[in-house]
Amino acid sequence: MQTRPTPEAILAAVYTAVDRVNQTLTPERRIPKAPDTRLIGAGGHLDSLGAVNLIVETELAVEEQLGRAINLGDEKAAMQKVHPLESIATLAHYITSLLQ
């Protein structure tokens, strides 16, 4: 039985993904690494392509750092009351729910 990753480990994986996406963005478009950073929607830092890139990078980072495969682009994610990509905190919370 696998142990559950800590919230800090999950957030670290998300921040790794943010770092990877930020490497592709101009300095003024980079995503701040803070839990309350809005990712999509009003005031969000990502367009649709950026959101897809963050999803892919987050899935990779979670698998590399936590040893668990997740799917952030499925129908379940889209049907959440609060969209997982609303903010960095909501993304980390959603990943936590997937890993339980």
Protein backbone atom coordinates (compact mmCIF):
# COMPACT_ATOMS: atom_id res chain seq x y z
CA MET A 1 0.00 0.00 0.00
CA GLN A 2 1.36 3.40 -1.00
CA THR A 3 1.52 6.20 1.51
CA ARG A 4 -0.33 9.38 0.75
CA PRO A 5 1.85 12.28 -0.33
CA THR A 6 1.86 15.26 2.01
CA PRO A 7 0.18 18.51 0.97
CA GLU A 8 3.67 20.06 0.85
CA ALA A 9 4.90 17.36 -1.56
CA ILE A 10 1.88 17.86 -3.80
CA LEU A 11 2.37 21.62 -3.82
CA ALA A 12 6.07 21.13 -4.62
CA ALA A 13 5.11 19.01 -7.65
CA VAL A 14 2.71 21.73 -8.83
CA TYR A 15 5.46 24.34 -8.38
CA THR A 16 7.81 22.17 -10.46
CA ALA A 17 5.20 22.19 -13.23
CA VAL A 18 4.82 25.98 -12.90
CA ASP A 19 8.60 26.36 -13.20
CA ARG A 20 8.59 24.29 -16.39
CA VAL A 21 5.72 26.27 -17.93
CA ASN A 22 7.36 29.56 -16.88
CA GLN A 23 10.45 28.61 -18.91
CA THR A 24 8.29 28.91 -22.03
CA LEU A 25 6.74 32.27 -21.09
CA THR A 26 8.04 35.80 -21.33
CA PRO A 27 8.96 37.35 -17.96
CA GLU A 28 5.81 39.49 -17.81
CA ARG A 29 3.56 36.45 -18.42
CA ARG A 30 5.15 34.10 -15.87
CA ILE A 31 2.95 32.46 -13.26
CA PRO A 32 3.67 33.49 -9.66
CA LYS A 33 4.28 30.52 -7.38
CA ALA A 34 1.73 31.16 -4.64
CA PRO A 35 -1.33 29.14 -3.59
CA ASP A 36 -3.73 32.00 -4.36
CA THR A 37 -2.41 32.56 -7.90
CA ARG A 38 -5.35 32.50 -10.34
CA LEU A 39 -4.64 30.21 -13.27
CA ILE A 40 -7.76 30.45 -15.48
CA GLY A 41 -10.86 32.61 -15.57
CA ALA A 42 -11.06 36.25 -14.56
CA GLY A 43 -7.60 37.46 -13.60
CA GLY A 44 -6.05 34.14 -14.60
CA HIS A 45 -2.50 33.86 -15.88
CA LEU A 46 -3.11 31.15 -18.48
CA ASP A 47 -4.78 31.02 -21.87
CA SER A 48 -6.09 27.69 -23.14
CA LEU A 49 -2.71 26.55 -24.48
CA GLY A 50 -1.01 27.53 -21.24
CA ALA A 51 -3.61 25.56 -19.28
CA VAL A 52 -2.95 22.46 -21.40
CA ASN A 53 0.80 22.87 -20.90
CA LEU A 54 0.35 23.19 -17.14
CA ILE A 55 -1.87 20.08 -17.04
CA VAL A 56 0.74 18.02 -18.91
CA GLU A 57 3.64 19.32 -16.83
CA THR A 58 1.73 18.75 -13.58
CA GLU A 59 0.89 15.17 -14.52
CA LEU A 60 4.57 14.56 -15.31
CA ALA A 61 5.82 16.22 -12.12
CA VAL A 62 3.39 14.25 -9.94
CA GLU A 63 4.49 10.99 -11.53
CA GLU A 64 8.20 11.86 -11.26
CA GLN A 65 8.13 13.23 -7.72
CA LEU A 66 5.32 11.26 -6.11
CA GLY A 67 5.43 8.05 -8.13
CA ARG A 68 1.73 8.18 -8.99
CA ALA A 69 0.07 8.67 -12.37
CA ILE A 70 -2.87 11.08 -12.51
CA ASN A 71 -5.15 12.41 -15.25
CA LEU A 72 -6.04 16.07 -14.91
CA GLY A 73 -7.69 16.42 -18.31
CA ASP A 74 -10.59 14.04 -17.92
CA GLU A 75 -14.31 14.65 -17.61
CA LYS A 76 -14.16 14.33 -13.81
CA ALA A 77 -11.96 17.43 -13.61
CA ALA A 78 -14.32 19.46 -15.77
CA MET A 79 -17.32 18.48 -13.64
CA GLN A 80 -15.91 19.74 -10.34
CA LYS A 81 -17.86 22.45 -8.53
CA VAL A 82 -14.67 24.52 -8.41
CA HIS A 83 -12.51 23.97 -11.49
CA PRO A 84 -9.14 22.44 -10.55
CA LEU A 85 -7.30 25.10 -12.55
CA GLU A 86 -8.97 28.03 -10.83
CA SER A 87 -5.84 28.57 -8.71
CA ILE A 88 -2.70 26.79 -7.63
CA ALA A 89 -4.42 25.89 -4.35
CA THR A 90 -7.44 24.35 -6.09
CA LEU A 91 -5.11 22.38 -8.37
CA ALA A 92 -3.17 21.01 -5.38
CA HIS A 93 -6.42 20.19 -3.58
CA TYR A 94 -7.77 18.33 -6.61
CA ILE A 95 -4.54 16.34 -6.94
CA THR A 96 -4.86 15.44 -3.24
CA SER A 97 -8.36 14.10 -3.87
CA LEU A 98 -7.11 12.03 -6.84
CA LEU A 99 -4.32 10.48 -4.79
CA GLN A 100 -6.56 9.37 -1.91
